[in-house]
């Protein structure tokens, strides 16, 4: 594997957010304020374009940046009258590493898939990477709900959300 040059600069920019991330978040905040746009599974990727994310130090920094952006949108959404859903997504693939993304979904006149429901996802924390499990447990302790797809799959999907933010992501009222 080729050496990843410019790591210090990359992680510094990741922490403060790139121009593209800020632009996308500004669009979402604008929707929360005036409700004039439509977003069908709009998302921001928080993975490294140069290298797959396999090492925990790199994974944690990307997850922290994603959750920081999640919290910014969550704070801006406190008093919005418009319907939306916000969730963090982590895709885990053995050969391709971890792929984090932040999703924003609103009612859309072209599709009738709002609100999205993740009823077929399990409520337990996924088994596997102990450091990722510890990170997800810390999020769960802060009030986030963690869902994951089947453990037998080659591609495990982890959904992170907070029921007090936007429309519910599950039909189950116990969470």
C-alpha atoms as a PDB file:
ATOM      1  CA  UNK A   1       0.000   0.000   0.000  1.00  0.00           C
ATOM      2  CA  UNK A   2       1.293   3.429  -0.935  1.00  0.00           C
ATOM      3  CA  UNK A   3       2.163   5.879   1.842  1.00  0.00           C
ATOM      4  CA  UNK A   4      -0.572   8.407   2.626  1.00  0.00           C
ATOM      5  CA  UNK A   5       1.197  11.750   2.298  1.00  0.00           C
ATOM      6  CA  UNK A   6      -0.301  14.898   3.771  1.00  0.00           C
ATOM      7  CA  UNK A   7      -2.058  13.080   6.637  1.00  0.00           C
ATOM      8  CA  UNK A   8      -1.647  15.922   9.115  1.00  0.00           C
ATOM      9  CA  UNK A   9      -3.222  18.424   6.736  1.00  0.00           C
ATOM     10  CA  UNK A  10      -5.978  15.958   5.777  1.00  0.00           C
ATOM     11  CA  UNK A  11      -7.026  15.238   9.377  1.00  0.00           C
ATOM     12  CA  UNK A  12      -6.891  18.929  10.278  1.00  0.00           C
ATOM     13  CA  UNK A  13      -9.289  19.697   7.397  1.00  0.00           C
ATOM     14  CA  UNK A  14     -11.461  16.729   8.360  1.00  0.00           C
ATOM     15  CA  UNK A  15     -11.818  18.088  11.883  1.00  0.00           C
ATOM     16  CA  UNK A  16     -12.945  21.565  10.792  1.00  0.00           C
ATOM     17  CA  UNK A  17     -14.886  20.306   7.778  1.00  0.00           C
ATOM     18  CA  UNK A  18     -14.213  20.721   4.098  1.00  0.00           C
ATOM     19  CA  UNK A  19     -15.888  23.311   1.913  1.00  0.00           C
ATOM     20  CA  UNK A  20     -18.080  20.613   0.337  1.00  0.00           C
ATOM     21  CA  UNK A  21     -19.275  19.394   3.759  1.00  0.00           C
ATOM     22  CA  UNK A  22     -20.058  22.940   4.889  1.00  0.00           C
ATOM     23  CA  UNK A  23     -21.913  23.680   1.656  1.00  0.00           C
ATOM     24  CA  UNK A  24     -24.064  20.533   1.994  1.00  0.00           C
ATOM     25  CA  UNK A  25     -24.781  21.210   5.664  1.00  0.00           C
ATOM     26  CA  UNK A  26     -25.752  24.807   4.814  1.00  0.00           C
ATOM     27  CA  UNK A  27     -28.284  23.426   2.304  1.00  0.00           C
ATOM     28  CA  UNK A  28     -29.755  21.130   4.954  1.00  0.00           C
ATOM     29  CA  UNK A  29     -29.923  23.940   7.521  1.00  0.00           C
ATOM     30  CA  UNK A  30     -31.615  26.146   4.934  1.00  0.00           C
ATOM     31  CA  UNK A  31     -34.250  23.411   4.479  1.00  0.00           C
ATOM     32  CA  UNK A  32     -34.767  23.238   8.255  1.00  0.00           C
ATOM     33  CA  UNK A  33     -35.374  26.993   8.283  1.00  0.00           C
ATOM     34  CA  UNK A  34     -37.663  27.376   5.247  1.00  0.00           C
ATOM     35  CA  UNK A  35     -38.562  23.872   3.963  1.00  0.00           C
ATOM     36  CA  UNK A  36     -38.346  24.794   0.293  1.00  0.00           C
ATOM     37  CA  UNK A  37     -36.079  21.993  -0.959  1.00  0.00           C
ATOM     38  CA  UNK A  38     -36.497  18.246  -1.270  1.00  0.00           C
ATOM     39  CA  UNK A  39     -33.846  15.703  -0.369  1.00  0.00           C
ATOM     40  CA  UNK A  40     -34.099  12.049  -1.306  1.00  0.00           C
ATOM     41  CA  UNK A  41     -31.425  10.245   0.718  1.00  0.00           C
ATOM     42  CA  UNK A  42     -29.003  13.146   0.392  1.00  0.00           C
ATOM     43  CA  UNK A  43     -25.739  12.320   2.115  1.00  0.00           C
ATOM     44  CA  UNK A  44     -22.197  13.367   2.925  1.00  0.00           C
ATOM     45  CA  UNK A  45     -19.379  10.811   2.801  1.00  0.00           C
ATOM     46  CA  UNK A  46     -16.866  10.892   5.614  1.00  0.00           C
ATOM     47  CA  UNK A  47     -14.451   8.350   4.207  1.00  0.00           C
ATOM     48  CA  UNK A  48     -10.977   8.943   2.876  1.00  0.00           C
ATOM     49  CA  UNK A  49     -10.805   9.180  -0.923  1.00  0.00           C
ATOM     50  CA  UNK A  50      -7.141   8.126  -0.975  1.00  0.00           C
ATOM     51  CA  UNK A  51      -7.173   5.139   1.373  1.00  0.00           C
ATOM     52  CA  UNK A  52      -9.745   2.672   2.694  1.00  0.00           C
ATOM     53  CA  UNK A  53     -10.389   2.997   6.424  1.00  0.00           C
ATOM     54  CA  UNK A  54      -8.972  -0.064   8.194  1.00  0.00           C
ATOM     55  CA  UNK A  55      -6.964   1.388  11.098  1.00  0.00           C
ATOM     56  CA  UNK A  56      -8.875   2.418  14.193  1.00  0.00           C
ATOM     57  CA  UNK A  57      -7.119   5.787  14.589  1.00  0.00           C
ATOM     58  CA  UNK A  58      -8.246   6.862  11.104  1.00  0.00           C
ATOM     59  CA  UNK A  59     -11.711   5.330  11.542  1.00  0.00           C
ATOM     60  CA  UNK A  60     -12.275   7.150  14.843  1.00  0.00           C
ATOM     61  CA  UNK A  61     -11.323  10.540  13.400  1.00  0.00           C
ATOM     62  CA  UNK A  62     -13.754  10.075  10.506  1.00  0.00           C
ATOM     63  CA  UNK A  63     -16.541   8.909  12.831  1.00  0.00           C
ATOM     64  CA  UNK A  64     -15.912  11.871  15.149  1.00  0.00           C
ATOM     65  CA  UNK A  65     -16.176  14.281  12.186  1.00  0.00           C
ATOM     66  CA  UNK A  66     -19.418  12.611  11.083  1.00  0.00           C
ATOM     67  CA  UNK A  67     -20.970  12.751  14.545  1.00  0.00           C
ATOM     68  CA  UNK A  68     -19.887  16.382  14.970  1.00  0.00           C
ATOM     69  CA  UNK A  69     -21.760  17.241  11.764  1.00  0.00           C
ATOM     70  CA  UNK A  70     -24.721  15.170  12.983  1.00  0.00           C
ATOM     71  CA  UNK A  71     -24.827  17.209  16.194  1.00  0.00           C
ATOM     72  CA  UNK A  72     -24.673  20.525  14.298  1.00  0.00           C
ATOM     73  CA  UNK A  73     -27.690  19.564  12.173  1.00  0.00           C
ATOM     74  CA  UNK A  74     -29.472  18.207  15.250  1.00  0.00           C
ATOM     75  CA  UNK A  75     -29.011  21.515  17.099  1.00  0.00           C
ATOM     76  CA  UNK A  76     -30.310  23.499  14.116  1.00  0.00           C
ATOM     77  CA  UNK A  77     -33.357  21.230  13.799  1.00  0.00           C
ATOM     78  CA  UNK A  78     -34.775  21.736  17.297  1.00  0.00           C
ATOM     79  CA  UNK A  79     -37.649  24.007  16.304  1.00  0.00           C
ATOM     80  CA  UNK A  80     -38.247  23.227  12.651  1.00  0.00           C
ATOM     81  CA  UNK A  81     -41.846  22.515  11.584  1.00  0.00           C
ATOM     82  CA  UNK A  82     -40.679  20.621   8.491  1.00  0.00           C
ATOM     83  CA  UNK A  83     -40.469  16.838   8.269  1.00  0.00           C
ATOM     84  CA  UNK A  84     -37.043  15.279   7.861  1.00  0.00           C
ATOM     85  CA  UNK A  85     -34.965  12.299   8.914  1.00  0.00           C
ATOM     86  CA  UNK A  86     -31.303  12.373   9.903  1.00  0.00           C
ATOM     87  CA  UNK A  87     -29.114   9.350  10.481  1.00  0.00           C
ATOM     88  CA  UNK A  88     -25.460   8.357  10.473  1.00  0.00           C
ATOM     89  CA  UNK A  89     -24.504   5.317   8.436  1.00  0.00           C
ATOM     90  CA  UNK A  90     -21.469   3.083   8.792  1.00  0.00           C
ATOM     91  CA  UNK A  91     -20.863   0.436   6.149  1.00  0.00           C
ATOM     92  CA  UNK A  92     -18.422  -2.280   7.220  1.00  0.00           C
ATOM     93  CA  UNK A  93     -16.847  -4.457   4.532  1.00  0.00           C
ATOM     94  CA  UNK A  94     -14.029  -6.868   5.240  1.00  0.00           C
ATOM     95  CA  UNK A  95     -12.019  -6.037   2.120  1.00  0.00           C
ATOM     96  CA  UNK A  96     -12.949  -2.362   1.733  1.00  0.00           C
ATOM     97  CA  UNK A  97     -12.857  -1.063   5.310  1.00  0.00           C
ATOM     98  CA  UNK A  98     -15.389   1.236   6.912  1.00  0.00           C
ATOM     99  CA  UNK A  99     -17.492   3.757   4.983  1.00  0.00           C
ATOM    100  CA  UNK A 100     -19.163   6.438   7.157  1.00  0.00           C
ATOM    101  CA  UNK A 101     -21.829   8.782   5.781  1.00  0.00           C
ATOM    102  CA  UNK A 102     -24.444  11.183   7.148  1.00  0.00           C
ATOM    103  CA  UNK A 103     -27.926  11.004   5.571  1.00  0.00           C
ATOM    104  CA  UNK A 104     -30.642  13.652   5.347  1.00  0.00           C
ATOM    105  CA  UNK A 105     -34.046  12.608   3.976  1.00  0.00           C
ATOM    106  CA  UNK A 106     -37.193  14.727   3.476  1.00  0.00           C
ATOM    107  CA  UNK A 107     -40.616  14.326   1.866  1.00  0.00           C
ATOM    108  CA  UNK A 108     -40.176  14.282  -1.886  1.00  0.00           C
ATOM    109  CA  UNK A 109     -42.777  14.767  -4.602  1.00  0.00           C
ATOM    110  CA  UNK A 110     -41.003  12.301  -6.916  1.00  0.00           C
ATOM    111  CA  UNK A 111     -40.959   9.355  -4.479  1.00  0.00           C
ATOM    112  CA  UNK A 112     -43.220   8.044  -1.750  1.00  0.00           C
ATOM    113  CA  UNK A 113     -40.527   6.599   0.503  1.00  0.00           C
ATOM    114  CA  UNK A 114     -40.736   9.116   3.328  1.00  0.00           C
ATOM    115  CA  UNK A 115     -40.391   8.360   6.168  1.00  0.00           C
ATOM    116  CA  UNK A 116     -37.743   5.666   5.704  1.00  0.00           C
ATOM    117  CA  UNK A 117     -38.088   2.758   8.156  1.00  0.00           C
ATOM    118  CA  UNK A 118     -35.323   0.429   9.301  1.00  0.00           C
ATOM    119  CA  UNK A 119     -37.606  -2.149  10.918  1.00  0.00           C
ATOM    120  CA  UNK A 120     -35.601  -5.120   9.592  1.00  0.00           C
ATOM    121  CA  UNK A 121     -32.419  -3.987  11.379  1.00  0.00           C
ATOM    122  CA  UNK A 122     -31.451  -5.465  14.774  1.00  0.00           C
ATOM    123  CA  UNK A 123     -31.264  -3.329  17.908  1.00  0.00           C
ATOM    124  CA  UNK A 124     -28.214  -5.017  19.470  1.00  0.00           C
ATOM    125  CA  UNK A 125     -24.720  -3.678  19.024  1.00  0.00           C
ATOM    126  CA  UNK A 126     -22.888  -5.557  16.279  1.00  0.00           C
ATOM    127  CA  UNK A 127     -20.205  -8.066  17.217  1.00  0.00           C
ATOM    128  CA  UNK A 128     -16.780  -7.932  15.650  1.00  0.00           C
ATOM    129  CA  UNK A 129     -14.436  -4.994  16.034  1.00  0.00           C
ATOM    130  CA  UNK A 130     -14.101  -4.280  19.772  1.00  0.00           C
ATOM    131  CA  UNK A 131     -13.012  -0.672  19.315  1.00  0.00           C
ATOM    132  CA  UNK A 132     -15.950   0.101  17.036  1.00  0.00           C
ATOM    133  CA  UNK A 133     -18.285  -1.617  19.513  1.00  0.00           C
ATOM    134  CA  UNK A 134     -16.897   0.533  22.335  1.00  0.00           C
ATOM    135  CA  UNK A 135     -17.405   3.679  20.248  1.00  0.00           C
ATOM    136  CA  UNK A 136     -21.001   2.688  19.425  1.00  0.00           C
ATOM    137  CA  UNK A 137     -21.663   1.867  23.092  1.00  0.00           C
ATOM    138  CA  UNK A 138     -20.532   5.391  24.035  1.00  0.00           C
ATOM    139  CA  UNK A 139     -22.971   6.805  21.475  1.00  0.00           C
ATOM    140  CA  UNK A 140     -25.752   4.604  22.853  1.00  0.00           C
ATOM    141  CA  UNK A 141     -24.970   5.902  26.354  1.00  0.00           C
ATOM    142  CA  UNK A 142     -25.458   9.456  25.005  1.00  0.00           C
ATOM    143  CA  UNK A 143     -29.004   8.634  23.822  1.00  0.00           C
ATOM    144  CA  UNK A 144     -28.394   7.414  20.287  1.00  0.00           C
ATOM    145  CA  UNK A 145     -30.069   4.309  18.943  1.00  0.00           C
ATOM    146  CA  UNK A 146     -27.795   1.864  17.123  1.00  0.00           C
ATOM    147  CA  UNK A 147     -29.216  -0.549  14.532  1.00  0.00           C
ATOM    148  CA  UNK A 148     -27.373  -3.034  12.374  1.00  0.00           C
ATOM    149  CA  UNK A 149     -28.060  -5.350   9.477  1.00  0.00           C
ATOM    150  CA  UNK A 150     -27.479  -9.102   9.439  1.00  0.00           C
ATOM    151  CA  UNK A 151     -24.149 -10.364  10.792  1.00  0.00           C
ATOM    152  CA  UNK A 152     -23.911 -13.027   8.080  1.00  0.00           C
ATOM    153  CA  UNK A 153     -23.693 -10.456   5.295  1.00  0.00           C
ATOM    154  CA  UNK A 154     -20.375  -9.446   3.726  1.00  0.00           C
ATOM    155  CA  UNK A 155     -21.473  -5.839   4.061  1.00  0.00           C
ATOM    156  CA  UNK A 156     -22.752  -4.884   7.523  1.00  0.00           C
ATOM    157  CA  UNK A 157     -24.739  -1.668   7.740  1.00  0.00           C
ATOM    158  CA  UNK A 158     -24.913   0.275  10.993  1.00  0.00           C
ATOM    159  CA  UNK A 159     -27.508   3.032  11.448  1.00  0.00           C
ATOM    160  CA  UNK A 160     -27.124   5.634  14.211  1.00  0.00           C
ATOM    161  CA  UNK A 161     -29.929   8.051  15.045  1.00  0.00           C
ATOM    162  CA  UNK A 162     -31.686   9.864  17.852  1.00  0.00           C
ATOM    163  CA  UNK A 163     -35.483   9.560  18.162  1.00  0.00           C
ATOM    164  CA  UNK A 164     -35.790  13.131  19.380  1.00  0.00           C
ATOM    165  CA  UNK A 165     -34.449  14.425  16.050  1.00  0.00           C
ATOM    166  CA  UNK A 166     -36.771  14.411  13.055  1.00  0.00           C
ATOM    167  CA  UNK A 167     -39.213  11.632  12.123  1.00  0.00           C
ATOM    168  CA  UNK A 168     -38.765   8.173  13.622  1.00  0.00           C
ATOM    169  CA  UNK A 169     -36.706   5.623  11.714  1.00  0.00           C
ATOM    170  CA  UNK A 170     -38.515   2.599  13.148  1.00  0.00           C
ATOM    171  CA  UNK A 171     -42.141   1.669  13.509  1.00  0.00           C
ATOM    172  CA  UNK A 172     -41.349   0.087  16.880  1.00  0.00           C
ATOM    173  CA  UNK A 173     -42.423   2.607  19.522  1.00  0.00           C
ATOM    174  CA  UNK A 174     -40.328   1.026  22.307  1.00  0.00           C
ATOM    175  CA  UNK A 175     -37.153   2.794  21.187  1.00  0.00           C
END
